[in-house]
């Protein structure tokens, strides 16, 4: 089992909350916009921010979550 909760650096709670809000906003935008508009590209910014505060394992897990949100948005 992954120990993602232990991989978070101290003092980054506000950044994690902001990343969650950003991911929710990107998901909503990706869901309501036309297929031709690539709103899911903005998940890249969330992942780039995550590389500064999360470990490599946690970043990979976050990337998998972003991929899952993208796939759910298209269905």
PDB file of N, CA and C in Angstrom:
ATOM      1  N   UNK A   1       0.836  -1.187   0.000  1.00  0.00           N
ATOM      2  CA  UNK A   1       0.000   0.000   0.000  1.00  0.00           C
ATOM      3  C   UNK A   1       0.877   1.244   0.000  1.00  0.00           C
ATOM      4  N   UNK A   2       0.481   2.254  -0.735  1.00  0.00           N
ATOM      5  CA  UNK A   2       1.246   3.490  -0.817  1.00  0.00           C
ATOM      6  C   UNK A   2       1.049   4.333   0.434  1.00  0.00           C
ATOM      7  N   UNK A   3       2.120   4.911   0.902  1.00  0.00           N
ATOM      8  CA  UNK A   3       2.051   5.789   2.070  1.00  0.00           C
ATOM      9  C   UNK A   3       2.106   7.235   1.597  1.00  0.00           C
ATOM     10  N   UNK A   4       1.086   7.645   0.883  1.00  0.00           N
ATOM     11  CA  UNK A   4       1.061   8.986   0.311  1.00  0.00           C
ATOM     12  C   UNK A   4       0.904  10.046   1.388  1.00  0.00           C
ATOM     13  N   UNK A   5       0.125   9.769   2.413  1.00  0.00           N
ATOM     14  CA  UNK A   5      -0.104  10.760   3.466  1.00  0.00           C
ATOM     15  C   UNK A   5       1.191  11.113   4.192  1.00  0.00           C
ATOM     16  N   UNK A   6       2.115  10.170   4.301  1.00  0.00           N
ATOM     17  CA  UNK A   6       3.387  10.444   4.958  1.00  0.00           C
ATOM     18  C   UNK A   6       4.374  11.164   4.049  1.00  0.00           C
ATOM     19  N   UNK A   7       4.083  11.219   2.754  1.00  0.00           N
ATOM     20  CA  UNK A   7       4.993  11.827   1.797  1.00  0.00           C
ATOM     21  C   UNK A   7       4.781  13.327   1.633  1.00  0.00           C
ATOM     22  N   UNK A   8       3.776  13.874   2.276  1.00  0.00           N
ATOM     23  CA  UNK A   8       3.461  15.290   2.122  1.00  0.00           C
ATOM     24  C   UNK A   8       4.383  16.107   3.012  1.00  0.00           C
ATOM     25  N   UNK A   9       4.962  17.141   2.450  1.00  0.00           N
ATOM     26  CA  UNK A   9       5.853  17.999   3.227  1.00  0.00           C
ATOM     27  C   UNK A   9       5.048  18.886   4.167  1.00  0.00           C
ATOM     28  N   UNK A  10       5.599  19.192   5.341  1.00  0.00           N
ATOM     29  CA  UNK A  10       4.863  20.017   6.311  1.00  0.00           C
ATOM     30  C   UNK A  10       4.605  21.426   5.780  1.00  0.00           C
ATOM     31  N   UNK A  11       3.503  22.021   6.193  1.00  0.00           N
ATOM     32  CA  UNK A  11       3.179  23.393   5.811  1.00  0.00           C
ATOM     33  C   UNK A  11       2.600  23.552   4.427  1.00  0.00           C
ATOM     34  N   UNK A  12       2.177  22.471   3.824  1.00  0.00           N
ATOM     35  CA  UNK A  12       1.673  22.564   2.455  1.00  0.00           C
ATOM     36  C   UNK A  12       0.174  22.292   2.368  1.00  0.00           C
ATOM     37  N   UNK A  13      -0.524  22.375   3.483  1.00  0.00           N
ATOM     38  CA  UNK A  13      -1.959  22.065   3.494  1.00  0.00           C
ATOM     39  C   UNK A  13      -2.746  23.020   2.607  1.00  0.00           C
ATOM     40  N   UNK A  14      -2.431  24.298   2.661  1.00  0.00           N
ATOM     41  CA  UNK A  14      -3.153  25.282   1.845  1.00  0.00           C
ATOM     42  C   UNK A  14      -2.925  25.035   0.357  1.00  0.00           C
ATOM     43  N   UNK A  15      -1.709  24.684   0.005  1.00  0.00           N
ATOM     44  CA  UNK A  15      -1.413  24.383  -1.401  1.00  0.00           C
ATOM     45  C   UNK A  15      -2.163  23.138  -1.855  1.00  0.00           C
ATOM     46  N   UNK A  16      -2.259  22.141  -0.997  1.00  0.00           N
ATOM     47  CA  UNK A  16      -3.003  20.925  -1.349  1.00  0.00           C
ATOM     48  C   UNK A  16      -4.488  21.212  -1.530  1.00  0.00           C
ATOM     49  N   UNK A  17      -5.034  22.070  -0.686  1.00  0.00           N
ATOM     50  CA  UNK A  17      -6.443  22.459  -0.833  1.00  0.00           C
ATOM     51  C   UNK A  17      -6.645  23.209  -2.140  1.00  0.00           C
ATOM     52  N   UNK A  18      -5.722  24.114  -2.458  1.00  0.00           N
ATOM     53  CA  UNK A  18      -5.819  24.866  -3.717  1.00  0.00           C
ATOM     54  C   UNK A  18      -5.706  23.936  -4.925  1.00  0.00           C
ATOM     55  N   UNK A  19      -4.848  22.920  -4.826  1.00  0.00           N
ATOM     56  CA  UNK A  19      -4.735  21.961  -5.922  1.00  0.00           C
ATOM     57  C   UNK A  19      -6.020  21.172  -6.092  1.00  0.00           C
ATOM     58  N   UNK A  20      -6.655  20.799  -4.987  1.00  0.00           N
ATOM     59  CA  UNK A  20      -7.929  20.088  -5.063  1.00  0.00           C
ATOM     60  C   UNK A  20      -9.016  20.931  -5.693  1.00  0.00           C
ATOM     61  N   UNK A  21      -9.063  22.211  -5.323  1.00  0.00           N
ATOM     62  CA  UNK A  21     -10.049  23.132  -5.912  1.00  0.00           C
ATOM     63  C   UNK A  21      -9.770  23.310  -7.407  1.00  0.00           C
ATOM     64  N   UNK A  22      -8.492  23.434  -7.756  1.00  0.00           N
ATOM     65  CA  UNK A  22      -8.133  23.579  -9.172  1.00  0.00           C
ATOM     66  C   UNK A  22      -8.520  22.337  -9.965  1.00  0.00           C
ATOM     67  N   UNK A  23      -8.271  21.166  -9.392  1.00  0.00           N
ATOM     68  CA  UNK A  23      -8.643  19.931 -10.082  1.00  0.00           C
ATOM     69  C   UNK A  23     -10.152  19.831 -10.266  1.00  0.00           C
ATOM     70  N   UNK A  24     -10.916  20.248  -9.266  1.00  0.00           N
ATOM     71  CA  UNK A  24     -12.379  20.234  -9.396  1.00  0.00           C
ATOM     72  C   UNK A  24     -12.830  21.199 -10.485  1.00  0.00           C
ATOM     73  N   UNK A  25     -12.221  22.377 -10.519  1.00  0.00           N
ATOM     74  CA  UNK A  25     -12.566  23.355 -11.552  1.00  0.00           C
ATOM     75  C   UNK A  25     -12.210  22.878 -12.945  1.00  0.00           C
ATOM     76  N   UNK A  26     -11.058  22.252 -13.077  1.00  0.00           N
ATOM     77  CA  UNK A  26     -10.652  21.720 -14.379  1.00  0.00           C
ATOM     78  C   UNK A  26     -11.594  20.599 -14.808  1.00  0.00           C
ATOM     79  N   UNK A  27     -11.971  19.745 -13.860  1.00  0.00           N
ATOM     80  CA  UNK A  27     -12.896  18.655 -14.180  1.00  0.00           C
ATOM     81  C   UNK A  27     -14.233  19.206 -14.669  1.00  0.00           C
ATOM     82  N   UNK A  28     -14.760  20.212 -13.979  1.00  0.00           N
ATOM     83  CA  UNK A  28     -16.037  20.807 -14.382  1.00  0.00           C
ATOM     84  C   UNK A  28     -15.907  21.451 -15.757  1.00  0.00           C
ATOM     85  N   UNK A  29     -14.829  22.207 -15.956  1.00  0.00           N
ATOM     86  CA  UNK A  29     -14.617  22.860 -17.257  1.00  0.00           C
ATOM     87  C   UNK A  29     -14.466  21.829 -18.369  1.00  0.00           C
ATOM     88  N   UNK A  30     -13.753  20.755 -18.083  1.00  0.00           N
ATOM     89  CA  UNK A  30     -13.554  19.719 -19.092  1.00  0.00           C
ATOM     90  C   UNK A  30     -14.852  18.979 -19.399  1.00  0.00           C
ATOM     91  N   UNK A  31     -15.707  18.860 -18.409  1.00  0.00           N
ATOM     92  CA  UNK A  31     -16.970  18.157 -18.607  1.00  0.00           C
ATOM     93  C   UNK A  31     -17.978  18.980 -19.401  1.00  0.00           C
ATOM     94  N   UNK A  32     -18.057  20.276 -19.138  1.00  0.00           N
ATOM     95  CA  UNK A  32     -19.088  21.099 -19.770  1.00  0.00           C
ATOM     96  C   UNK A  32     -18.664  21.685 -21.115  1.00  0.00           C
ATOM     97  N   UNK A  33     -17.362  21.701 -21.409  1.00  0.00           N
ATOM     98  CA  UNK A  33     -16.930  22.272 -22.684  1.00  0.00           C
ATOM     99  C   UNK A  33     -17.001  21.230 -23.792  1.00  0.00           C
ATOM    100  N   UNK A  34     -16.889  21.709 -25.000  1.00  0.00           N
ATOM    101  CA  UNK A  34     -16.937  20.863 -26.182  1.00  0.00           C
ATOM    102  C   UNK A  34     -15.717  19.940 -26.229  1.00  0.00           C
ATOM    103  N   UNK A  35     -15.855  18.843 -26.916  1.00  0.00           N
ATOM    104  CA  UNK A  35     -14.779  17.864 -27.045  1.00  0.00           C
ATOM    105  C   UNK A  35     -13.532  18.463 -27.681  1.00  0.00           C
ATOM    106  N   UNK A  36     -13.702  19.439 -28.560  1.00  0.00           N
ATOM    107  CA  UNK A  36     -12.578  20.038 -29.274  1.00  0.00           C
ATOM    108  C   UNK A  36     -11.725  20.930 -28.377  1.00  0.00           C
ATOM    109  N   UNK A  37     -12.246  21.350 -27.247  1.00  0.00           N
ATOM    110  CA  UNK A  37     -11.502  22.200 -26.320  1.00  0.00           C
ATOM    111  C   UNK A  37     -10.781  21.293 -25.322  1.00  0.00           C
ATOM    112  N   UNK A  38      -9.467  21.408 -25.278  1.00  0.00           N
ATOM    113  CA  UNK A  38      -8.659  20.513 -24.445  1.00  0.00           C
ATOM    114  C   UNK A  38      -8.434  21.123 -23.058  1.00  0.00           C
ATOM    115  N   UNK A  39      -9.476  21.162 -22.256  1.00  0.00           N
ATOM    116  CA  UNK A  39      -9.367  21.734 -20.914  1.00  0.00           C
ATOM    117  C   UNK A  39      -8.536  20.847 -19.992  1.00  0.00           C
ATOM    118  N   UNK A  40      -8.450  19.569 -20.287  1.00  0.00           N
ATOM    119  CA  UNK A  40      -7.697  18.644 -19.439  1.00  0.00           C
ATOM    120  C   UNK A  40      -6.203  18.937 -19.438  1.00  0.00           C
ATOM    121  N   UNK A  41      -5.731  19.715 -20.386  1.00  0.00           N
ATOM    122  CA  UNK A  41      -4.318  20.092 -20.436  1.00  0.00           C
ATOM    123  C   UNK A  41      -3.921  20.846 -19.169  1.00  0.00           C
ATOM    124  N   UNK A  42      -4.862  21.525 -18.545  1.00  0.00           N
ATOM    125  CA  UNK A  42      -4.553  22.315 -17.356  1.00  0.00           C
ATOM    126  C   UNK A  42      -4.245  21.461 -16.134  1.00  0.00           C
ATOM    127  N   UNK A  43      -4.517  20.158 -16.193  1.00  0.00           N
ATOM    128  CA  UNK A  43      -4.077  19.272 -15.118  1.00  0.00           C
ATOM    129  C   UNK A  43      -2.545  19.283 -15.017  1.00  0.00           C
ATOM    130  N   UNK A  44      -1.879  19.610 -16.099  1.00  0.00           N
ATOM    131  CA  UNK A  44      -0.421  19.680 -16.103  1.00  0.00           C
ATOM    132  C   UNK A  44       0.082  20.682 -15.073  1.00  0.00           C
ATOM    133  N   UNK A  45      -0.595  21.812 -14.940  1.00  0.00           N
ATOM    134  CA  UNK A  45      -0.190  22.812 -13.961  1.00  0.00           C
ATOM    135  C   UNK A  45      -0.319  22.273 -12.539  1.00  0.00           C
ATOM    136  N   UNK A  46      -1.362  21.520 -12.276  1.00  0.00           N
ATOM    137  CA  UNK A  46      -1.554  20.928 -10.947  1.00  0.00           C
ATOM    138  C   UNK A  46      -0.423  19.945 -10.649  1.00  0.00           C
ATOM    139  N   UNK A  47      -0.067  19.144 -11.622  1.00  0.00           N
ATOM    140  CA  UNK A  47       0.999  18.162 -11.427  1.00  0.00           C
ATOM    141  C   UNK A  47       2.344  18.865 -11.233  1.00  0.00           C
ATOM    142  N   UNK A  48       2.583  19.935 -11.965  1.00  0.00           N
ATOM    143  CA  UNK A  48       3.832  20.676 -11.802  1.00  0.00           C
ATOM    144  C   UNK A  48       3.938  21.291 -10.411  1.00  0.00           C
ATOM    145  N   UNK A  49       2.848  21.817  -9.886  1.00  0.00           N
ATOM    146  CA  UNK A  49       2.851  22.351  -8.524  1.00  0.00           C
ATOM    147  C   UNK A  49       3.094  21.226  -7.524  1.00  0.00           C
ATOM    148  N   UNK A  50       2.504  20.066  -7.787  1.00  0.00           N
ATOM    149  CA  UNK A  50       2.641  18.927  -6.880  1.00  0.00           C
ATOM    150  C   UNK A  50       4.080  18.442  -6.782  1.00  0.00           C
ATOM    151  N   UNK A  51       4.860  18.612  -7.829  1.00  0.00           N
ATOM    152  CA  UNK A  51       6.247  18.149  -7.785  1.00  0.00           C
ATOM    153  C   UNK A  51       7.070  18.924  -6.769  1.00  0.00           C
ATOM    154  N   UNK A  52       6.613  20.109  -6.405  1.00  0.00           N
ATOM    155  CA  UNK A  52       7.344  20.913  -5.422  1.00  0.00           C
ATOM    156  C   UNK A  52       7.036  20.509  -3.983  1.00  0.00           C
ATOM    157  N   UNK A  53       5.882  19.901  -3.732  1.00  0.00           N
ATOM    158  CA  UNK A  53       5.504  19.631  -2.342  1.00  0.00           C
ATOM    159  C   UNK A  53       5.257  18.160  -2.040  1.00  0.00           C
ATOM    160  N   UNK A  54       5.147  17.321  -3.053  1.00  0.00           N
ATOM    161  CA  UNK A  54       4.868  15.901  -2.844  1.00  0.00           C
ATOM    162  C   UNK A  54       6.057  15.063  -3.282  1.00  0.00           C
ATOM    163  N   UNK A  55       6.117  13.852  -2.780  1.00  0.00           N
ATOM    164  CA  UNK A  55       7.163  12.923  -3.209  1.00  0.00           C
ATOM    165  C   UNK A  55       6.837  12.382  -4.598  1.00  0.00           C
ATOM    166  N   UNK A  56       7.779  11.666  -5.168  1.00  0.00           N
ATOM    167  CA  UNK A  56       7.567  11.096  -6.494  1.00  0.00           C
ATOM    168  C   UNK A  56       6.402  10.124  -6.548  1.00  0.00           C
ATOM    169  N   UNK A  57       6.266   9.314  -5.517  1.00  0.00           N
ATOM    170  CA  UNK A  57       5.160   8.356  -5.456  1.00  0.00           C
ATOM    171  C   UNK A  57       3.813   9.070  -5.413  1.00  0.00           C
ATOM    172  N   UNK A  58       3.736  10.130  -4.626  1.00  0.00           N
ATOM    173  CA  UNK A  58       2.487  10.883  -4.518  1.00  0.00           C
ATOM    174  C   UNK A  58       2.170  11.615  -5.816  1.00  0.00           C
ATOM    175  N   UNK A  59       3.192  12.092  -6.519  1.00  0.00           N
ATOM    176  CA  UNK A  59       2.964  12.777  -7.798  1.00  0.00           C
ATOM    177  C   UNK A  59       2.436  11.789  -8.830  1.00  0.00           C
ATOM    178  N   UNK A  60       2.969  10.583  -8.849  1.00  0.00           N
ATOM    179  CA  UNK A  60       2.473   9.557  -9.774  1.00  0.00           C
ATOM    180  C   UNK A  60       1.020   9.222  -9.456  1.00  0.00           C
ATOM    181  N   UNK A  61       0.703   9.115  -8.169  1.00  0.00           N
ATOM    182  CA  UNK A  61      -0.686   8.836  -7.774  1.00  0.00           C
ATOM    183  C   UNK A  61      -1.604   9.980  -8.200  1.00  0.00           C
ATOM    184  N   UNK A  62      -1.146  11.215  -8.025  1.00  0.00           N
ATOM    185  CA  UNK A  62      -1.944  12.382  -8.444  1.00  0.00           C
ATOM    186  C   UNK A  62      -2.134  12.389  -9.959  1.00  0.00           C
ATOM    187  N   UNK A  63      -1.098  12.042 -10.696  1.00  0.00           N
ATOM    188  CA  UNK A  63      -1.218  11.974 -12.153  1.00  0.00           C
ATOM    189  C   UNK A  63      -2.237  10.922 -12.570  1.00  0.00           C
ATOM    190  N   UNK A  64      -2.257   9.796 -11.870  1.00  0.00           N
ATOM    191  CA  UNK A  64      -3.258   8.756 -12.163  1.00  0.00           C
ATOM    192  C   UNK A  64      -4.667   9.254 -11.872  1.00  0.00           C
ATOM    193  N   UNK A  65      -4.820  10.026 -10.813  1.00  0.00           N
ATOM    194  CA  UNK A  65      -6.128  10.614 -10.498  1.00  0.00           C
ATOM    195  C   UNK A  65      -6.548  11.576 -11.596  1.00  0.00           C
ATOM    196  N   UNK A  66      -5.606  12.386 -12.086  1.00  0.00           N
ATOM    197  CA  UNK A  66      -5.926  13.329 -13.166  1.00  0.00           C
ATOM    198  C   UNK A  66      -6.331  12.603 -14.440  1.00  0.00           C
ATOM    199  N   UNK A  67      -5.654  11.507 -14.747  1.00  0.00           N
ATOM    200  CA  UNK A  67      -6.022  10.707 -15.918  1.00  0.00           C
ATOM    201  C   UNK A  67      -7.424  10.133 -15.742  1.00  0.00           C
ATOM    202  N   UNK A  68      -7.710   9.637 -14.540  1.00  0.00           N
ATOM    203  CA  UNK A  68      -9.042   9.086 -14.273  1.00  0.00           C
ATOM    204  C   UNK A  68     -10.117  10.156 -14.408  1.00  0.00           C
ATOM    205  N   UNK A  69      -9.856  11.349 -13.893  1.00  0.00           N
ATOM    206  CA  UNK A  69     -10.835  12.441 -14.025  1.00  0.00           C
ATOM    207  C   UNK A  69     -11.062  12.805 -15.490  1.00  0.00           C
ATOM    208  N   UNK A  70     -10.003  12.779 -16.278  1.00  0.00           N
ATOM    209  CA  UNK A  70     -10.128  13.071 -17.705  1.00  0.00           C
ATOM    210  C   UNK A  70     -10.995  12.019 -18.389  1.00  0.00           C
ATOM    211  N   UNK A  71     -10.758  10.752 -18.082  1.00  0.00           N
ATOM    212  CA  UNK A  71     -11.547   9.686 -18.693  1.00  0.00           C
ATOM    213  C   UNK A  71     -13.011   9.739 -18.253  1.00  0.00           C
ATOM    214  N   UNK A  72     -13.243  10.038 -16.989  1.00  0.00           N
ATOM    215  CA  UNK A  72     -14.623  10.168 -16.501  1.00  0.00           C
ATOM    216  C   UNK A  72     -15.324  11.339 -17.188  1.00  0.00           C
ATOM    217  N   UNK A  73     -14.593  12.410 -17.427  1.00  0.00           N
ATOM    218  CA  UNK A  73     -15.161  13.595 -18.063  1.00  0.00           C
ATOM    219  C   UNK A  73     -15.626  13.306 -19.487  1.00  0.00           C
ATOM    220  N   UNK A  74     -14.918  12.417 -20.186  1.00  0.00           N
ATOM    221  CA  UNK A  74     -15.272  12.120 -21.568  1.00  0.00           C
ATOM    222  C   UNK A  74     -16.382  11.093 -21.691  1.00  0.00           C
ATOM    223  N   UNK A  75     -16.736  10.433 -20.597  1.00  0.00           N
ATOM    224  CA  UNK A  75     -17.777   9.413 -20.715  1.00  0.00           C
ATOM    225  C   UNK A  75     -19.145   9.954 -20.413  1.00  0.00           C
TER     226      UNK A  75
END
